[in-house]
Amino acid sequence: MKSIIQKAGSILFLLFLIFSFNAKTNAQPDAAALYQQYCAQCHGSDLNGGNATSLVDGVWQFGAEDGYVIRNIKHGIPHLGMPSYERSLTDEEIRAVVGYIREAEKEEGAVKPPAPEMVETMDYFMEVETFADNLEIPWAIDFIDENTALITERPGRLRIVENGVLQAEAVKNTPQVLHEGQGGLLDVAVDPEYERNGWIYLAYSHELKEYEGNRPPAMTRLVRGKIENNTWTNEELLFEAPPETYRTTRHHYGCRIVFDPWGYLYFAIGDRGAGYQAQDFSLPNGKVHRIHKDGRIPENNPFLYDDEAMKSIYSLGNRNIQGMAIHPETGELWTTEHGPMGGDELNMIESGKNYGWETITYGRNYNGTIITELTHMPGMEQPNFYWKPSIAVCGLDFYRGNLFEKWKNRLLVGALKYEEVRLLQIEEERVVHEQVIFKGAGRVRDVSTGPDGAIYVVLNNPGKVVRLTPEE
């Protein structure tokens, strides 16, 4: 009898230990205590700032979305003195701290400040005015002439701004797009000889309708057409990948369109989430492509006579290019490419070159794990410049106007995460100076020199386009 009682007592004690352990492990982190222990010294016990910025003023300099904030806490921002907490806090504790900050924002009534009306740079005071407002995820802008602009909205609308007024009705009959994830209507480009031929080019995510399944595959597609009576007409298909290369992922489509002085058209397709495929010549994704404006393949394309390669490929090993620009004087093709966490790149793209993804990279996976230990390899190009941590580069243009004379031929770089426009001075293919000229008005999706010499910035959150001019 005694042994039975002892066994029963042992079992009850074991159950108590198990219950206590489960209760401890299932307990929610004390977010307020964690904040005071790890964050308050810099950001203030009341979250209103101290040695570092306020967390309840609606301003997020290094990414406003939860994912960005979580990664910034976990991995730090070393170049600004913010340490990483991945060894001090669990992922659950970091998420709890972010939730605590969000609740404090609500209590404070934090709202994003409006775009400034005046910005000071190293060279100019700039006036900021709204060019187009109340847009839904605007993605790109280009100009037919000084009085007419075209803006894409990612859900699938092509909008016209005429004489400074956004037209109420979108262009009718534009291609049907797959608006899911990062897909939708992407770039718009006006033919350099538009006055003679009237062509306008569109890039978008296209799904295979005939596919039977819950998640039809998709890929980036390129067409051109004309606008007559606010209607898309005369459409011609310029590039469509083979159906077997389409993917069911919904991110990394690319895609920008540019023209060089010799009449070639360049566009980029992202790796579509399959980085290893960026090294495969037989697949379209993770590449820069070059075609003639009517879709024909140039006779001097680098892989034209390779039986296994896609004939339109111009370069490979590109993760997800969302910025492309042609140098106004040299005709060189420059691109900005999203890295993973770290490793955003600026590259001058040359025929047949391999830019390394994902064999070499300066970035890591978003969870902090290593993609590869390699940053160099024979036969693979080094970036002309890279950002670590990443700023989420998007939109690119060489300044070509006359309003900002000091910035002639300097490179305008947009940043989604950091909500910035940066200005890069390049000499002998090297970045010798970088400055932020515009920040905090929204996620910068595109940046372009207008025919009037102003700088036009396409913003997400809020969806609008702003116009930058020097103070008169």
Protein backbone atom coordinates (compact mmCIF):
# COMPACT_ATOMS: atom_id res chain seq x y z
CA MET A 1 0.00 0.00 0.00
CA LYS A 2 2.83 2.39 0.89
CA SER A 3 4.52 1.85 -2.46
CA ILE A 4 1.24 2.56 -4.26
CA ILE A 5 0.87 5.82 -2.35
CA GLN A 6 4.49 6.73 -3.08
CA LYS A 7 3.98 6.02 -6.78
CA ALA A 8 0.78 8.06 -6.82
CA GLY A 9 2.61 10.91 -5.11
CA SER A 10 5.43 10.71 -7.64
CA ILE A 11 2.95 10.79 -10.50
CA LEU A 12 1.14 13.79 -9.02
CA PHE A 13 4.48 15.58 -8.51
CA LEU A 14 5.46 14.80 -12.11
CA LEU A 15 2.11 16.12 -13.37
CA PHE A 16 2.66 19.26 -11.28
CA LEU A 17 6.08 19.78 -12.86
CA ILE A 18 4.66 19.25 -16.36
CA PHE A 19 1.80 21.66 -15.66
CA SER A 20 4.19 24.25 -14.23
CA PHE A 21 6.51 23.91 -17.23
CA ASN A 22 3.65 24.24 -19.71
CA ALA A 23 2.23 27.20 -17.84
CA LYS A 24 5.64 28.84 -17.90
CA THR A 25 6.31 28.13 -21.58
CA ASN A 26 2.77 29.14 -22.61
CA ALA A 27 2.86 32.37 -20.63
CA GLN A 28 2.71 35.48 -22.75
CA PRO A 29 5.84 37.66 -22.68
CA ASP A 30 5.58 40.75 -20.50
CA ALA A 31 6.00 43.19 -23.40
CA ALA A 32 6.00 46.30 -21.22
CA ALA A 33 8.76 44.92 -19.02
CA LEU A 34 10.78 43.83 -22.04
CA TYR A 35 10.44 47.28 -23.56
CA GLN A 36 11.62 48.97 -20.37
CA GLN A 37 14.56 46.56 -20.07
CA TYR A 38 15.82 46.71 -23.65
CA CYS A 39 14.37 49.78 -25.40
CA ALA A 40 13.56 52.53 -22.91
CA GLN A 41 17.15 53.67 -22.42
CA CYS A 42 17.26 54.93 -26.02
CA HIS A 43 13.63 55.47 -27.01
CA GLY A 44 12.36 56.75 -23.66
CA SER A 45 10.37 55.05 -20.93
CA ASP A 46 7.21 56.63 -22.38
CA LEU A 47 8.26 55.78 -26.01
CA ASN A 48 8.55 59.49 -26.81
CA GLY A 49 12.25 59.39 -27.57
CA GLY A 50 15.53 60.15 -25.86
CA ASN A 51 18.88 59.18 -27.29
CA ALA A 52 16.94 57.71 -30.22
CA THR A 53 13.74 58.70 -31.98
CA SER A 54 10.18 58.61 -30.66
CA LEU A 55 8.20 55.47 -31.45
CA VAL A 56 4.78 57.12 -31.17
CA ASP A 57 5.03 60.10 -33.53
CA GLY A 58 4.00 58.27 -36.71
CA VAL A 59 7.50 58.53 -38.21
CA TRP A 60 9.39 55.32 -39.04
CA GLN A 61 12.71 56.11 -40.68
CA PHE A 62 13.73 52.53 -41.37
CA GLY A 63 10.50 50.82 -42.36
CA ALA A 64 7.01 51.24 -40.91
CA GLU A 65 5.57 47.77 -41.52
CA ASP A 66 5.66 45.19 -38.71
CA GLY A 67 8.02 42.96 -40.66
CA TYR A 68 10.56 45.75 -41.02
CA VAL A 69 10.32 46.73 -37.35
CA ILE A 70 10.71 43.12 -36.21
CA ARG A 71 13.79 42.63 -38.39
CA ASN A 72 15.31 45.92 -37.23
CA ILE A 73 14.97 44.84 -33.58
CA LYS A 74 16.21 41.32 -34.24
CA HIS A 75 19.17 42.15 -36.48
CA GLY A 76 19.83 45.77 -35.50
CA ILE A 77 20.95 48.70 -37.61
CA PRO A 78 24.67 48.48 -36.83
CA HIS A 79 25.85 51.47 -38.87
CA LEU A 80 23.56 53.72 -36.79
CA GLY A 81 24.50 52.19 -33.46
CA MET A 82 21.34 50.12 -32.91
CA PRO A 83 22.39 46.68 -31.63
CA SER A 84 20.80 43.38 -32.61
CA TYR A 85 18.64 41.57 -30.05
CA GLU A 86 18.47 38.13 -31.65
CA ARG A 87 20.61 36.72 -28.79
CA SER A 88 18.67 38.51 -26.06
CA LEU A 89 15.05 38.15 -27.17
CA THR A 90 13.09 35.32 -28.72
CA ASP A 91 11.03 35.92 -31.85
CA GLU A 92 7.89 35.74 -29.71
CA GLU A 93 9.26 38.39 -27.34
CA ILE A 94 10.20 40.67 -30.23
CA ARG A 95 6.71 40.36 -31.69
CA ALA A 96 5.28 41.15 -28.26
CA VAL A 97 7.39 44.31 -28.01
CA VAL A 98 6.22 45.41 -31.46
CA GLY A 99 2.61 44.80 -30.39
CA TYR A 100 3.23 46.91 -27.29
CA ILE A 101 4.59 49.73 -29.45
CA ARG A 102 1.57 49.53 -31.78
CA GLU A 103 -0.83 49.78 -28.84
CA ALA A 104 1.08 52.81 -27.56
CA GLU A 105 0.82 54.39 -31.03
CA LYS A 106 -2.97 53.96 -30.94
CA GLU A 107 -3.21 55.50 -27.48
CA GLU A 108 -1.13 58.48 -28.60
CA GLY A 109 -3.18 58.83 -31.79
CA ALA A 110 -0.01 58.64 -33.87
CA VAL A 111 -0.49 59.47 -37.54
CA LYS A 112 2.00 59.80 -40.34
CA PRO A 113 2.87 63.48 -40.84
CA PRO A 114 1.97 64.96 -44.23
CA ALA A 115 4.66 65.41 -46.85
CA PRO A 116 6.68 68.57 -46.18
CA GLU A 117 6.09 71.59 -48.40
CA MET A 118 9.78 72.48 -48.42
CA VAL A 119 12.89 70.28 -48.22
CA GLU A 120 16.48 71.38 -47.70
CA THR A 121 19.27 69.46 -49.46
CA MET A 122 23.01 70.11 -49.66
CA ASP A 123 22.50 72.00 -52.92
CA TYR A 124 18.92 73.27 -53.09
CA PHE A 125 15.82 74.14 -51.16
CA MET A 126 13.08 72.14 -52.88
CA GLU A 127 9.38 72.85 -53.06
CA VAL A 128 7.09 69.81 -52.77
CA GLU A 129 3.66 69.80 -54.39
CA THR A 130 1.11 67.08 -55.00
CA PHE A 131 0.90 66.13 -58.66
CA ALA A 132 -1.68 63.30 -58.40
CA ASP A 133 -3.51 62.04 -55.32
CA ASN A 134 -5.89 59.29 -54.16
CA LEU A 135 -4.19 56.61 -56.27
CA GLU A 136 -4.32 52.89 -55.46
CA ILE A 137 -0.82 51.44 -55.23
CA PRO A 138 0.70 53.57 -58.01
CA TRP A 139 3.71 51.77 -59.49
CA ALA A 140 5.24 53.80 -62.32
CA ILE A 141 5.11 57.11 -64.15
CA ASP A 142 6.17 58.22 -67.63
CA PHE A 143 5.42 61.24 -69.79
CA ILE A 144 3.95 61.62 -73.26
CA ASP A 145 4.77 65.33 -73.26
CA GLU A 146 5.10 68.21 -70.83
CA ASN A 147 1.34 68.29 -70.29
CA THR A 148 0.51 64.57 -70.22
CA ALA A 149 1.66 61.86 -67.81
CA LEU A 150 0.79 58.18 -67.55
CA ILE A 151 0.63 56.44 -64.15
CA THR A 152 0.06 52.73 -63.51
CA GLU A 153 -1.92 51.49 -60.52
CA ARG A 154 -0.97 47.94 -59.57
CA PRO A 155 -4.57 46.62 -59.41
CA GLY A 156 -4.65 47.07 -63.21
CA ARG A 157 -5.46 50.67 -64.08
CA LEU A 158 -3.60 53.03 -66.39
CA ARG A 159 -4.30 56.64 -65.39
CA ILE A 160 -3.74 59.88 -67.30
CA VAL A 161 -2.78 63.24 -65.81
CA GLU A 162 -3.55 65.98 -68.30
CA ASN A 163 -2.62 69.62 -67.71
CA GLY A 164 -2.06 68.85 -64.04
CA VAL A 165 -5.43 67.13 -63.55
CA LEU A 166 -5.79 63.39 -62.85
CA GLN A 167 -8.51 62.15 -65.18
CA ALA A 168 -11.37 60.49 -63.32
CA GLU A 169 -11.69 57.51 -65.67
CA ALA A 170 -8.86 55.06 -66.20
CA VAL A 171 -7.85 54.04 -69.72
CA LYS A 172 -10.29 51.37 -70.89
CA ASN A 173 -9.45 47.93 -72.29
CA THR A 174 -5.95 47.63 -70.79
CA PRO A 175 -4.62 44.07 -70.29
CA GLN A 176 -6.10 41.96 -67.52
CA VAL A 177 -3.51 41.51 -64.79
CA LEU A 178 -3.04 39.13 -61.89
CA HIS A 179 -3.23 41.49 -58.93
CA GLU A 180 -2.06 39.24 -56.15
CA GLY A 181 0.98 39.48 -53.89
CA GLN A 182 3.48 41.73 -55.66
CA GLY A 183 1.83 41.23 -59.04
CA GLY A 184 -0.36 43.51 -61.10
CA LEU A 185 0.12 46.27 -63.64
CA LEU A 186 3.75 47.28 -63.27
CA ASP A 187 5.74 49.55 -65.56
CA VAL A 188 4.63 51.96 -68.28
CA ALA A 189 7.05 53.41 -70.83
CA VAL A 190 6.45 55.86 -73.65
CA ASP A 191 8.30 55.18 -76.91
CA PRO A 192 11.13 57.69 -77.46
CA GLU A 193 9.63 58.25 -80.93
CA TYR A 194 6.07 58.57 -79.63
CA GLU A 195 5.27 61.66 -81.68
CA ARG A 196 5.93 59.60 -84.80
CA ASN A 197 4.57 56.16 -83.83
CA GLY A 198 2.29 56.56 -80.77
CA TRP A 199 3.49 53.38 -79.01
CA ILE A 200 3.17 52.88 -75.25
CA TYR A 201 4.64 49.84 -73.47
CA LEU A 202 3.25 47.99 -70.45
CA ALA A 203 4.68 45.27 -68.20
CA TYR A 204 2.38 43.21 -65.97
CA SER A 205 1.92 39.87 -64.22
CA HIS A 206 0.05 37.45 -66.48
CA GLU A 207 -1.61 34.23 -65.32
CA LEU A 208 -2.33 31.11 -67.36
CA LYS A 209 -6.12 30.99 -67.40
CA GLU A 210 -6.23 27.54 -68.97
CA TYR A 211 -4.39 26.01 -66.03
CA GLU A 212 -6.53 23.71 -63.91
CA GLY A 213 -5.71 24.15 -60.26
CA ASN A 214 -6.21 26.31 -57.19
CA ARG A 215 -3.24 28.55 -57.94
CA PRO A 216 -2.64 29.23 -61.63
CA PRO A 217 0.99 29.96 -62.52
CA ALA A 218 2.04 33.46 -63.59
CA MET A 219 4.95 35.32 -65.18
CA THR A 220 5.88 38.83 -66.28
CA ARG A 221 4.59 39.78 -69.73
CA LEU A 222 5.32 42.72 -72.03
CA VAL A 223 2.99 44.37 -74.57
CA ARG A 224 2.71 47.63 -76.45
CA GLY A 225 -0.34 49.50 -77.69
CA LYS A 226 -1.83 52.91 -78.33
CA ILE A 227 -4.35 55.10 -76.54
CA GLU A 228 -7.22 56.41 -78.63
CA ASN A 229 -10.28 58.07 -77.07
CA ASN A 230 -9.10 56.92 -73.64
CA THR A 231 -9.05 53.31 -74.84
CA TRP A 232 -6.12 50.89 -75.16
CA THR A 233 -5.95 49.72 -78.80
CA ASN A 234 -3.66 48.09 -81.37
CA GLU A 235 -2.08 45.84 -78.76
CA GLU A 236 0.98 43.80 -79.77
CA LEU A 237 2.54 41.06 -77.67
CA LEU A 238 6.29 41.66 -77.35
CA PHE A 239 7.38 39.08 -74.77
CA GLU A 240 5.64 36.10 -73.22
CA ALA A 241 7.61 33.37 -71.47
CA PRO A 242 6.98 29.71 -72.39
CA PRO A 243 4.06 28.35 -70.33
CA GLU A 244 6.22 25.69 -68.70
CA THR A 245 8.39 28.42 -67.13
CA TYR A 246 5.49 30.14 -65.33
CA ARG A 247 5.53 29.85 -61.53
CA THR A 248 2.80 29.74 -58.88
CA THR A 249 4.65 32.19 -56.63
CA ARG A 250 3.28 35.71 -56.40
CA HIS A 251 6.40 37.82 -55.90
CA HIS A 252 9.58 39.06 -57.64
CA TYR A 253 8.13 39.91 -61.04
CA GLY A 254 10.54 42.79 -61.78
CA CYS A 255 9.84 44.80 -63.99
CA ARG A 256 11.06 48.06 -65.55
CA ILE A 257 11.29 49.06 -69.22
CA VAL A 258 13.94 51.36 -70.72
CA PHE A 259 15.25 52.22 -74.20
CA ASP A 260 18.87 52.88 -75.11
CA PRO A 261 20.07 55.38 -77.78
CA TRP A 262 20.39 52.59 -80.35
CA GLY A 263 16.72 51.64 -80.15
CA TYR A 264 16.99 48.50 -78.01
CA LEU A 265 14.38 47.83 -75.32
CA TYR A 266 15.49 46.37 -71.98
CA PHE A 267 13.30 44.86 -69.29
CA ALA A 268 13.94 42.76 -66.19
CA ILE A 269 12.14 39.78 -64.69
CA GLY A 270 12.74 38.94 -61.03
CA ASP A 271 13.70 35.47 -59.88
CA ARG A 272 10.05 34.79 -58.92
CA GLY A 273 11.20 33.47 -55.56
CA ALA A 274 13.42 30.74 -57.04
CA GLY A 275 16.90 32.20 -56.69
CA TYR A 276 18.69 29.17 -58.11
CA GLN A 277 16.83 29.68 -61.40
CA ALA A 278 18.56 33.04 -61.90
CA GLN A 279 21.60 31.03 -63.05
CA ASP A 280 19.64 28.92 -65.57
CA PHE A 281 19.98 30.22 -69.16
CA SER A 282 16.88 28.32 -70.26
CA LEU A 283 14.54 30.23 -67.93
CA PRO A 284 13.35 33.86 -68.12
CA ASN A 285 13.40 34.72 -64.42
CA GLY A 286 16.30 36.39 -62.64
CA LYS A 287 17.45 38.02 -65.88
CA VAL A 288 17.70 41.25 -67.85
CA HIS A 289 16.26 40.84 -71.36
CA ARG A 290 16.93 42.85 -74.52
CA ILE A 291 14.67 42.98 -77.57
CA HIS A 292 13.84 45.33 -80.40
CA LYS A 293 10.86 47.59 -79.80
CA ASP A 294 8.66 45.33 -81.94
CA GLY A 295 9.67 42.21 -80.00
CA ARG A 296 12.30 40.86 -82.39
CA ILE A 297 15.51 39.45 -80.91
CA PRO A 298 18.66 41.49 -81.71
CA GLU A 299 21.23 39.64 -83.76
CA ASN A 300 24.00 40.59 -81.32
CA ASN A 301 22.32 39.31 -78.15
CA PRO A 302 24.93 37.38 -76.13
CA PHE A 303 23.20 33.99 -76.05
CA LEU A 304 21.55 34.03 -79.46
CA TYR A 305 23.49 31.00 -80.68
CA ASP A 306 23.30 28.99 -77.47
CA ASP A 307 20.81 26.20 -78.16
CA GLU A 308 19.77 25.91 -74.51
CA ALA A 309 19.46 29.63 -73.70
CA MET A 310 16.52 32.01 -74.08
CA LYS A 311 17.50 34.29 -76.95
CA SER A 312 16.27 37.49 -75.27
CA ILE A 313 18.58 37.16 -72.24
CA TYR A 314 21.08 40.00 -71.88
CA SER A 315 22.37 39.29 -68.35
CA LEU A 316 21.69 36.73 -65.63
CA GLY A 317 22.02 36.31 -61.87
CA ASN A 318 19.71 39.24 -61.02
CA ARG A 319 17.43 38.77 -58.00
CA ASN A 320 14.65 41.30 -58.48
CA ILE A 321 15.37 44.45 -60.47
CA GLN A 322 12.84 47.23 -59.94
CA GLY A 323 14.98 50.15 -61.06
CA MET A 324 16.45 50.63 -64.55
CA ALA A 325 17.94 53.71 -66.19
CA ILE A 326 20.02 54.56 -69.25
CA HIS A 327 22.90 57.00 -68.77
CA PRO A 328 22.04 60.11 -70.85
CA GLU A 329 25.57 60.48 -72.26
CA THR A 330 27.05 56.99 -72.47
CA GLY A 331 23.94 54.88 -73.08
CA GLU A 332 25.01 52.49 -70.32
CA LEU A 333 22.30 50.45 -68.59
CA TRP A 334 22.21 50.82 -64.80
CA THR A 335 19.91 48.90 -62.46
CA THR A 336 18.97 48.70 -58.80
CA GLU A 337 18.18 45.25 -57.49
CA HIS A 338 16.44 44.17 -54.31
CA GLY A 339 18.65 42.05 -52.12
CA PRO A 340 17.17 39.87 -49.41
CA MET A 341 17.93 41.24 -45.92
CA GLY A 342 20.91 43.37 -46.89
CA GLY A 343 22.65 43.33 -50.21
CA ASP A 344 20.55 45.72 -52.31
CA GLU A 345 22.70 46.34 -55.38
CA LEU A 346 23.48 49.00 -57.95
CA ASN A 347 24.86 47.43 -61.13
CA MET A 348 25.97 48.61 -64.51
CA ILE A 349 24.65 45.82 -66.72
CA GLU A 350 26.80 44.56 -69.57
CA SER A 351 26.08 42.03 -72.29
CA GLY A 352 26.40 38.41 -71.22
CA LYS A 353 27.57 39.16 -67.68
CA ASN A 354 26.55 37.13 -64.62
CA TYR A 355 25.67 39.19 -61.53
CA GLY A 356 25.82 36.29 -59.13
CA TRP A 357 22.44 35.72 -57.51
CA GLU A 358 22.06 33.49 -55.60
CA THR A 359 25.53 31.96 -55.78
CA ILE A 360 27.09 35.09 -54.29
CA THR A 361 25.41 37.83 -52.27
CA TYR A 362 26.00 40.39 -49.52
CA GLY A 363 22.59 39.63 -48.01
CA ARG A 364 21.03 37.08 -45.70
CA ASN A 365 17.61 35.42 -45.59
CA TYR A 366 14.92 37.46 -43.85
CA ASN A 367 15.06 35.10 -40.86
CA GLY A 368 18.77 35.82 -40.50
CA THR A 369 20.05 32.51 -41.85
CA ILE A 370 22.93 32.37 -44.32
CA ILE A 371 22.15 32.07 -48.04
CA THR A 372 25.78 31.59 -48.99
CA GLU A 373 29.12 32.40 -47.40
CA LEU A 374 30.38 33.63 -50.78
CA THR A 375 30.48 37.28 -51.85
CA HIS A 376 32.94 36.78 -54.74
CA MET A 377 33.41 34.15 -57.40
CA PRO A 378 35.35 34.09 -60.69
CA GLY A 379 33.10 34.85 -63.64
CA MET A 380 30.56 36.72 -61.52
CA GLU A 381 30.34 40.51 -61.30
CA GLN A 382 30.64 42.61 -58.18
CA PRO A 383 28.01 45.33 -57.68
CA ASN A 384 29.12 48.89 -58.39
CA PHE A 385 27.60 49.73 -55.01
CA TYR A 386 25.53 47.92 -52.41
CA TRP A 387 23.43 48.79 -49.39
CA LYS A 388 23.69 46.79 -46.17
CA PRO A 389 21.23 46.88 -44.50
CA SER A 390 18.94 47.05 -47.50
CA ILE A 391 16.89 50.18 -48.13
CA ALA A 392 14.50 48.31 -50.51
CA VAL A 393 15.60 50.05 -53.72
CA CYS A 394 12.83 50.79 -56.20
CA GLY A 395 12.65 53.24 -59.08
CA LEU A 396 15.72 54.70 -60.76
CA ASP A 397 16.53 57.56 -63.11
CA PHE A 398 19.43 59.73 -64.15
CA TYR A 399 18.51 63.35 -63.64
CA ARG A 400 18.22 64.80 -67.16
CA GLY A 401 16.55 68.16 -66.65
CA ASN A 402 17.69 71.76 -66.35
CA LEU A 403 16.03 72.83 -63.09
CA PHE A 404 18.66 71.16 -60.89
CA GLU A 405 21.84 71.99 -62.83
CA LYS A 406 24.16 70.69 -60.09
CA TRP A 407 22.51 67.26 -60.30
CA LYS A 408 22.89 66.76 -64.04
CA ASN A 409 23.44 63.05 -64.84
CA ARG A 410 23.38 62.07 -61.18
CA LEU A 411 21.39 59.00 -60.26
CA LEU A 412 18.05 59.25 -58.45
CA VAL A 413 17.39 56.12 -56.37
CA GLY A 414 14.06 55.37 -54.70
CA ALA A 415 13.73 53.33 -51.49
CA LEU A 416 10.55 51.61 -50.35
CA LYS A 417 11.60 50.60 -46.84
CA TYR A 418 13.44 53.80 -45.91
CA GLU A 419 10.89 55.99 -47.76
CA GLU A 420 13.67 57.95 -49.44
CA VAL A 421 14.99 59.39 -52.65
CA ARG A 422 18.78 59.26 -52.71
CA LEU A 423 21.09 61.09 -55.09
CA LEU A 424 24.23 59.28 -56.20
CA GLN A 425 27.22 60.85 -57.90
CA ILE A 426 29.03 58.35 -60.12
CA GLU A 427 32.53 58.75 -61.48
CA GLU A 428 34.32 56.04 -63.48
CA GLU A 429 31.55 53.56 -62.61
CA ARG A 430 32.00 54.18 -58.86
CA VAL A 431 29.66 55.89 -56.42
CA VAL A 432 31.70 58.72 -54.92
CA HIS A 433 28.92 60.51 -53.04
CA GLU A 434 25.43 59.73 -51.77
CA GLN A 435 22.88 62.00 -50.13
CA VAL A 436 19.22 61.72 -49.15
CA ILE A 437 17.24 64.49 -50.84
CA PHE A 438 13.67 63.48 -49.90
CA LYS A 439 12.36 61.32 -47.06
CA GLY A 440 9.38 60.30 -45.00
CA ALA A 441 6.48 61.11 -47.33
CA GLY A 442 5.71 57.46 -48.22
CA ARG A 443 7.21 54.32 -49.74
CA VAL A 444 9.03 55.45 -52.89
CA ARG A 445 7.94 53.19 -55.75
CA ASP A 446 9.30 55.19 -58.69
CA VAL A 447 11.27 58.35 -59.38
CA SER A 448 11.53 60.09 -62.72
CA THR A 449 12.73 63.27 -64.39
CA GLY A 450 9.81 65.02 -66.03
CA PRO A 451 10.01 66.84 -69.37
CA ASP A 452 9.73 70.09 -67.40
CA GLY A 453 12.89 69.25 -65.43
CA ALA A 454 11.02 68.56 -62.17
CA ILE A 455 11.57 65.34 -60.20
CA TYR A 456 8.44 63.20 -59.89
CA VAL A 457 8.20 60.73 -57.00
CA VAL A 458 5.61 57.93 -56.97
CA LEU A 459 4.58 57.07 -53.40
CA ASN A 460 2.73 54.19 -51.76
CA ASN A 461 1.08 54.68 -48.36
CA PRO A 462 -0.23 57.21 -49.25
CA GLY A 463 -0.88 56.54 -52.95
CA LYS A 464 0.17 59.74 -54.65
CA VAL A 465 2.76 61.40 -56.87
CA VAL A 466 4.66 64.48 -55.72
CA ARG A 467 6.60 66.98 -57.81
CA LEU A 468 9.93 68.41 -56.61
CA THR A 469 11.24 71.73 -57.93
CA PRO A 470 13.93 74.14 -56.72
CA GLU A 471 12.71 77.07 -54.64
CA GLU A 472 12.13 80.10 -56.80
